Amino acid sequence: MEKCKSEENKNYCNCSYEPCERKGICCECIKYHLRLNEFPACFFPSDVEKTYDRSIEKFIEIYQDKKKQ
């Protein structure tokens, strides 16, 4: 198994929750958020991510609207 590239991943992580201990550790982040019935920050545009509404419903709402445009 390949070693986690957590430092490299942090360059692309748009999570604005600063004390997050999973930042850059994508496998742990995804597992954590799915357990809460939500998606991680990287699934959302940065302006939406900052609202901390990472619900699946919000994800659908955002991308449904983009599809209509």
PDB file of N, CA and C in Angstrom:
ATOM      1  N   MET A   1       0.848  -1.184   0.000  1.00  0.00           N
ATOM      2  CA  MET A   1       0.000   0.000   0.000  1.00  0.00           C
ATOM      3  C   MET A   1       0.893   1.247   0.000  1.00  0.00           C
ATOM      4  N   GLU A   2       0.486   2.222  -0.773  1.00  0.00           N
ATOM      5  CA  GLU A   2       1.249   3.465  -0.866  1.00  0.00           C
ATOM      6  C   GLU A   2       1.086   4.282   0.409  1.00  0.00           C
ATOM      7  N   LYS A   3       2.138   4.969   0.787  1.00  0.00           N
ATOM      8  CA  LYS A   3       2.131   5.821   1.965  1.00  0.00           C
ATOM      9  C   LYS A   3       1.214   7.025   1.735  1.00  0.00           C
ATOM     10  N   CYS A   4       0.528   7.469   2.768  1.00  0.00           N
ATOM     11  CA  CYS A   4      -0.362   8.632   2.667  1.00  0.00           C
ATOM     12  C   CYS A   4       0.444   9.883   2.316  1.00  0.00           C
ATOM     13  N   LYS A   5      -0.058  10.627   1.356  1.00  0.00           N
ATOM     14  CA  LYS A   5       0.598  11.869   0.932  1.00  0.00           C
ATOM     15  C   LYS A   5      -0.083  13.057   1.605  1.00  0.00           C
ATOM     16  N   SER A   6      -0.217  12.994   2.911  1.00  0.00           N
ATOM     17  CA  SER A   6      -0.988  14.007   3.646  1.00  0.00           C
ATOM     18  C   SER A   6      -0.454  15.420   3.459  1.00  0.00           C
ATOM     19  N   GLU A   7       0.841  15.588   3.405  1.00  0.00           N
ATOM     20  CA  GLU A   7       1.395  16.941   3.215  1.00  0.00           C
ATOM     21  C   GLU A   7       1.043  17.474   1.829  1.00  0.00           C
ATOM     22  N   GLU A   8       1.143  16.630   0.832  1.00  0.00           N
ATOM     23  CA  GLU A   8       0.773  17.023  -0.534  1.00  0.00           C
ATOM     24  C   GLU A   8      -0.738  17.288  -0.620  1.00  0.00           C
ATOM     25  N   ASN A   9      -1.535  16.448   0.039  1.00  0.00           N
ATOM     26  CA  ASN A   9      -2.991  16.606   0.026  1.00  0.00           C
ATOM     27  C   ASN A   9      -3.424  17.936   0.630  1.00  0.00           C
ATOM     28  N   LYS A  10      -2.706  18.406   1.620  1.00  0.00           N
ATOM     29  CA  LYS A  10      -3.050  19.671   2.279  1.00  0.00           C
ATOM     30  C   LYS A  10      -3.021  20.841   1.296  1.00  0.00           C
ATOM     31  N   ASN A  11      -2.209  20.733   0.248  1.00  0.00           N
ATOM     32  CA  ASN A  11      -2.149  21.791  -0.762  1.00  0.00           C
ATOM     33  C   ASN A  11      -3.470  21.951  -1.516  1.00  0.00           C
ATOM     34  N   TYR A  12      -4.265  20.898  -1.553  1.00  0.00           N
ATOM     35  CA  TYR A  12      -5.520  20.910  -2.293  1.00  0.00           C
ATOM     36  C   TYR A  12      -6.746  20.916  -1.389  1.00  0.00           C
ATOM     37  N   CYS A  13      -6.544  20.828  -0.109  1.00  0.00           N
ATOM     38  CA  CYS A  13      -7.644  20.741   0.853  1.00  0.00           C
ATOM     39  C   CYS A  13      -8.209  22.137   1.125  1.00  0.00           C
ATOM     40  N   ASN A  14      -9.498  22.314   0.877  1.00  0.00           N
ATOM     41  CA  ASN A  14     -10.124  23.620   1.114  1.00  0.00           C
ATOM     42  C   ASN A  14     -10.893  23.671   2.440  1.00  0.00           C
ATOM     43  N   CYS A  15     -10.630  22.737   3.317  1.00  0.00           N
ATOM     44  CA  CYS A  15     -11.293  22.711   4.625  1.00  0.00           C
ATOM     45  C   CYS A  15     -10.886  23.946   5.434  1.00  0.00           C
ATOM     46  N   SER A  16     -11.880  24.700   5.859  1.00  0.00           N
ATOM     47  CA  SER A  16     -11.587  25.920   6.624  1.00  0.00           C
ATOM     48  C   SER A  16     -11.665  25.700   8.135  1.00  0.00           C
ATOM     49  N   TYR A  17     -11.924  24.465   8.547  1.00  0.00           N
ATOM     50  CA  TYR A  17     -11.971  24.143   9.972  1.00  0.00           C
ATOM     51  C   TYR A  17     -10.538  23.892  10.438  1.00  0.00           C
ATOM     52  N   GLU A  18      -9.923  24.904  11.028  1.00  0.00           N
ATOM     53  CA  GLU A  18      -8.500  24.865  11.343  1.00  0.00           C
ATOM     54  C   GLU A  18      -8.052  23.800  12.355  1.00  0.00           C
ATOM     55  N   PRO A  19      -8.785  23.514  13.400  1.00  0.00           N
ATOM     56  CA  PRO A  19      -8.249  22.479  14.298  1.00  0.00           C
ATOM     57  C   PRO A  19      -8.482  21.046  13.799  1.00  0.00           C
ATOM     58  N   CYS A  20      -8.849  20.883  12.540  1.00  0.00           N
ATOM     59  CA  CYS A  20      -9.149  19.546  12.014  1.00  0.00           C
ATOM     60  C   CYS A  20      -7.905  18.662  12.033  1.00  0.00           C
ATOM     61  N   GLU A  21      -8.028  17.523  12.680  1.00  0.00           N
ATOM     62  CA  GLU A  21      -6.901  16.592  12.783  1.00  0.00           C
ATOM     63  C   GLU A  21      -6.810  15.662  11.574  1.00  0.00           C
ATOM     64  N   ARG A  22      -7.833  15.688  10.704  1.00  0.00           N
ATOM     65  CA  ARG A  22      -7.847  14.815   9.524  1.00  0.00           C
ATOM     66  C   ARG A  22      -7.390  15.541   8.256  1.00  0.00           C
ATOM     67  N   LYS A  23      -7.069  16.828   8.353  1.00  0.00           N
ATOM     68  CA  LYS A  23      -6.686  17.614   7.180  1.00  0.00           C
ATOM     69  C   LYS A  23      -5.520  16.952   6.449  1.00  0.00           C
ATOM     70  N   GLY A  24      -5.746  16.662   5.176  1.00  0.00           N
ATOM     71  CA  GLY A  24      -4.728  16.014   4.360  1.00  0.00           C
ATOM     72  C   GLY A  24      -4.752  14.501   4.415  1.00  0.00           C
ATOM     73  N   ILE A  25      -5.502  13.937   5.320  1.00  0.00           N
ATOM     74  CA  ILE A  25      -5.604  12.478   5.433  1.00  0.00           C
ATOM     75  C   ILE A  25      -6.984  12.098   4.879  1.00  0.00           C
ATOM     76  N   CYS A  26      -7.062  12.077   3.555  1.00  0.00           N
ATOM     77  CA  CYS A  26      -8.343  11.964   2.858  1.00  0.00           C
ATOM     78  C   CYS A  26      -9.166  10.735   3.259  1.00  0.00           C
ATOM     79  N   CYS A  27      -8.526   9.594   3.403  1.00  0.00           N
ATOM     80  CA  CYS A  27      -9.277   8.377   3.739  1.00  0.00           C
ATOM     81  C   CYS A  27      -9.980   8.523   5.086  1.00  0.00           C
ATOM     82  N   GLU A  28      -9.329   9.128   6.066  1.00  0.00           N
ATOM     83  CA  GLU A  28      -9.953   9.341   7.375  1.00  0.00           C
ATOM     84  C   GLU A  28     -11.040  10.404   7.300  1.00  0.00           C
ATOM     85  N   CYS A  29     -10.792  11.452   6.536  1.00  0.00           N
ATOM     86  CA  CYS A  29     -11.751  12.548   6.380  1.00  0.00           C
ATOM     87  C   CYS A  29     -13.057  12.045   5.759  1.00  0.00           C
ATOM     88  N   ILE A  30     -12.939  11.309   4.661  1.00  0.00           N
ATOM     89  CA  ILE A  30     -14.134  10.797   3.979  1.00  0.00           C
ATOM     90  C   ILE A  30     -14.913   9.863   4.896  1.00  0.00           C
ATOM     91  N   LYS A  31     -14.209   8.970   5.564  1.00  0.00           N
ATOM     92  CA  LYS A  31     -14.868   8.026   6.485  1.00  0.00           C
ATOM     93  C   LYS A  31     -15.608   8.779   7.597  1.00  0.00           C
ATOM     94  N   TYR A  32     -14.963   9.796   8.147  1.00  0.00           N
ATOM     95  CA  TYR A  32     -15.561  10.606   9.222  1.00  0.00           C
ATOM     96  C   TYR A  32     -16.835  11.298   8.743  1.00  0.00           C
ATOM     97  N   HIS A  33     -16.764  11.973   7.613  1.00  0.00           N
ATOM     98  CA  HIS A  33     -17.920  12.733   7.132  1.00  0.00           C
ATOM     99  C   HIS A  33     -19.060  11.837   6.669  1.00  0.00           C
ATOM    100  N   LEU A  34     -18.764  10.726   6.029  1.00  0.00           N
ATOM    101  CA  LEU A  34     -19.835   9.816   5.614  1.00  0.00           C
ATOM    102  C   LEU A  34     -20.580   9.253   6.815  1.00  0.00           C
ATOM    103  N   ARG A  35     -19.848   9.039   7.896  1.00  0.00           N
ATOM    104  CA  ARG A  35     -20.476   8.551   9.129  1.00  0.00           C
ATOM    105  C   ARG A  35     -21.492   9.574   9.659  1.00  0.00           C
ATOM    106  N   LEU A  36     -21.263  10.861   9.366  1.00  0.00           N
ATOM    107  CA  LEU A  36     -22.164  11.937   9.785  1.00  0.00           C
ATOM    108  C   LEU A  36     -23.207  12.273   8.717  1.00  0.00           C
ATOM    109  N   ASN A  37     -23.253  11.472   7.665  1.00  0.00           N
ATOM    110  CA  ASN A  37     -24.184  11.687   6.563  1.00  0.00           C
ATOM    111  C   ASN A  37     -23.909  12.992   5.826  1.00  0.00           C
ATOM    112  N   GLU A  38     -22.638  13.275   5.618  1.00  0.00           N
ATOM    113  CA  GLU A  38     -22.243  14.479   4.903  1.00  0.00           C
ATOM    114  C   GLU A  38     -21.002  14.175   4.075  1.00  0.00           C
ATOM    115  N   PHE A  39     -20.583  15.158   3.283  1.00  0.00           N
ATOM    116  CA  PHE A  39     -19.387  15.033   2.465  1.00  0.00           C
ATOM    117  C   PHE A  39     -18.295  15.924   3.024  1.00  0.00           C
ATOM    118  N   PRO A  40     -17.030  15.607   2.716  1.00  0.00           N
ATOM    119  CA  PRO A  40     -15.929  16.461   3.168  1.00  0.00           C
ATOM    120  C   PRO A  40     -15.882  17.782   2.390  1.00  0.00           C
ATOM    121  N   ALA A  41     -15.106  18.713   2.879  1.00  0.00           N
ATOM    122  CA  ALA A  41     -14.997  20.059   2.307  1.00  0.00           C
ATOM    123  C   ALA A  41     -14.670  20.043   0.828  1.00  0.00           C
ATOM    124  N   CYS A  42     -13.805  19.145   0.402  1.00  0.00           N
ATOM    125  CA  CYS A  42     -13.340  19.136  -0.986  1.00  0.00           C
ATOM    126  C   CYS A  42     -14.440  18.836  -1.995  1.00  0.00           C
ATOM    127  N   PHE A  43     -15.600  18.419  -1.538  1.00  0.00           N
ATOM    128  CA  PHE A  43     -16.728  18.177  -2.437  1.00  0.00           C
ATOM    129  C   PHE A  43     -17.478  19.471  -2.747  1.00  0.00           C
ATOM    130  N   PHE A  44     -17.147  20.549  -2.037  1.00  0.00           N
ATOM    131  CA  PHE A  44     -17.882  21.805  -2.142  1.00  0.00           C
ATOM    132  C   PHE A  44     -16.997  22.943  -2.632  1.00  0.00           C
ATOM    133  N   PRO A  45     -17.598  23.917  -3.312  1.00  0.00           N
ATOM    134  CA  PRO A  45     -16.848  25.134  -3.621  1.00  0.00           C
ATOM    135  C   PRO A  45     -16.478  25.823  -2.301  1.00  0.00           C
ATOM    136  N   SER A  46     -15.387  26.547  -2.278  1.00  0.00           N
ATOM    137  CA  SER A  46     -14.890  27.152  -1.035  1.00  0.00           C
ATOM    138  C   SER A  46     -15.900  28.061  -0.349  1.00  0.00           C
ATOM    139  N   ASP A  47     -16.667  28.839  -1.114  1.00  0.00           N
ATOM    140  CA  ASP A  47     -17.643  29.742  -0.486  1.00  0.00           C
ATOM    141  C   ASP A  47     -18.743  28.979   0.235  1.00  0.00           C
ATOM    142  N   VAL A  48     -19.129  27.839  -0.272  1.00  0.00           N
ATOM    143  CA  VAL A  48     -20.155  27.010   0.381  1.00  0.00           C
ATOM    144  C   VAL A  48     -19.542  26.248   1.552  1.00  0.00           C
ATOM    145  N   GLU A  49     -18.334  25.765   1.373  1.00  0.00           N
ATOM    146  CA  GLU A  49     -17.653  25.014   2.440  1.00  0.00           C
ATOM    147  C   GLU A  49     -17.558  25.842   3.708  1.00  0.00           C
ATOM    148  N   LYS A  50     -17.335  27.135   3.574  1.00  0.00           N
ATOM    149  CA  LYS A  50     -17.171  28.009   4.744  1.00  0.00           C
ATOM    150  C   LYS A  50     -18.440  28.121   5.590  1.00  0.00           C
ATOM    151  N   THR A  51     -19.585  27.705   5.050  1.00  0.00           N
ATOM    152  CA  THR A  51     -20.832  27.723   5.828  1.00  0.00           C
ATOM    153  C   THR A  51     -20.913  26.506   6.759  1.00  0.00           C
ATOM    154  N   TYR A  52     -20.030  25.549   6.546  1.00  0.00           N
ATOM    155  CA  TYR A  52     -19.997  24.277   7.281  1.00  0.00           C
ATOM    156  C   TYR A  52     -21.237  23.425   7.076  1.00  0.00           C
ATOM    157  N   ASP A  53     -22.066  23.766   6.086  1.00  0.00           N
ATOM    158  CA  ASP A  53     -23.184  22.887   5.721  1.00  0.00           C
ATOM    159  C   ASP A  53     -22.655  21.936   4.667  1.00  0.00           C
ATOM    160  N   ARG A  54     -22.225  20.789   5.127  1.00  0.00           N
ATOM    161  CA  ARG A  54     -21.635  19.801   4.227  1.00  0.00           C
ATOM    162  C   ARG A  54     -22.571  18.611   4.042  1.00  0.00           C
ATOM    163  N   SER A  55     -23.844  18.875   4.217  1.00  0.00           N
ATOM    164  CA  SER A  55     -24.833  17.814   4.092  1.00  0.00           C
ATOM    165  C   SER A  55     -24.938  17.329   2.648  1.00  0.00           C
ATOM    166  N   ILE A  56     -25.380  16.103   2.516  1.00  0.00           N
ATOM    167  CA  ILE A  56     -25.602  15.535   1.187  1.00  0.00           C
ATOM    168  C   ILE A  56     -26.664  16.347   0.461  1.00  0.00           C
ATOM    169  N   GLU A  57     -27.659  16.815   1.206  1.00  0.00           N
ATOM    170  CA  GLU A  57     -28.727  17.633   0.616  1.00  0.00           C
ATOM    171  C   GLU A  57     -28.161  18.923   0.017  1.00  0.00           C
ATOM    172  N   LYS A  58     -27.229  19.560   0.727  1.00  0.00           N
ATOM    173  CA  LYS A  58     -26.604  20.794   0.229  1.00  0.00           C
ATOM    174  C   LYS A  58     -25.794  20.505  -1.032  1.00  0.00           C
ATOM    175  N   PHE A  59     -25.099  19.396  -1.043  1.00  0.00           N
ATOM    176  CA  PHE A  59     -24.320  18.985  -2.214  1.00  0.00           C
ATOM    177  C   PHE A  59     -25.230  18.847  -3.427  1.00  0.00           C
ATOM    178  N   ILE A  60     -26.349  18.157  -3.245  1.00  0.00           N
ATOM    179  CA  ILE A  60     -27.303  17.964  -4.342  1.00  0.00           C
ATOM    180  C   ILE A  60     -27.865  19.304  -4.800  1.00  0.00           C
ATOM    181  N   GLU A  61     -28.227  20.143  -3.848  1.00  0.00           N
ATOM    182  CA  GLU A  61     -28.780  21.468  -4.167  1.00  0.00           C
ATOM    183  C   GLU A  61     -27.803  22.281  -5.031  1.00  0.00           C
ATOM    184  N   ILE A  62     -26.563  22.308  -4.644  1.00  0.00           N
ATOM    185  CA  ILE A  62     -25.554  23.089  -5.360  1.00  0.00           C
ATOM    186  C   ILE A  62     -25.358  22.573  -6.781  1.00  0.00           C
ATOM    187  N   TYR A  63     -25.188  21.275  -6.910  1.00  0.00           N
ATOM    188  CA  TYR A  63     -24.865  20.724  -8.225  1.00  0.00           C
ATOM    189  C   TYR A  63     -26.098  20.570  -9.098  1.00  0.00           C
ATOM    190  N   GLN A  64     -27.276  20.495  -8.530  1.00  0.00           N
ATOM    191  CA  GLN A  64     -28.507  20.536  -9.330  1.00  0.00           C
ATOM    192  C   GLN A  64     -28.660  21.912  -9.949  1.00  0.00           C
ATOM    193  N   ASP A  65     -28.422  22.958  -9.149  1.00  0.00           N
ATOM    194  CA  ASP A  65     -28.501  24.324  -9.638  1.00  0.00           C
ATOM    195  C   ASP A  65     -27.496  24.579 -10.754  1.00  0.00           C
ATOM    196  N   LYS A  66     -26.298  24.065 -10.625  1.00  0.00           N
ATOM    197  CA  LYS A  66     -25.268  24.256 -11.654  1.00  0.00           C
ATOM    198  C   LYS A  66     -25.656  23.548 -12.948  1.00  0.00           C
ATOM    199  N   LYS A  67     -26.338  22.444 -12.831  1.00  0.00           N
ATOM    200  CA  LYS A  67     -26.751  21.685 -14.000  1.00  0.00           C
ATOM    201  C   LYS A  67     -27.800  22.469 -14.802  1.00  0.00           C
ATOM    202  N   LYS A  68     -28.646  23.222 -14.097  1.00  0.00           N
ATOM    203  CA  LYS A  68     -29.709  23.995 -14.738  1.00  0.00           C
ATOM    204  C   LYS A  68     -29.167  25.211 -15.492  1.00  0.00           C
ATOM    205  N   GLN A  69     -28.004  25.675 -15.111  1.00  0.00           N
ATOM    206  CA  GLN A  69     -27.441  26.897 -15.717  1.00  0.00           C
ATOM    207  C   GLN A  69     -26.914  26.685 -17.096  1.00  0.00           C
TER     208      GLN A  69
END
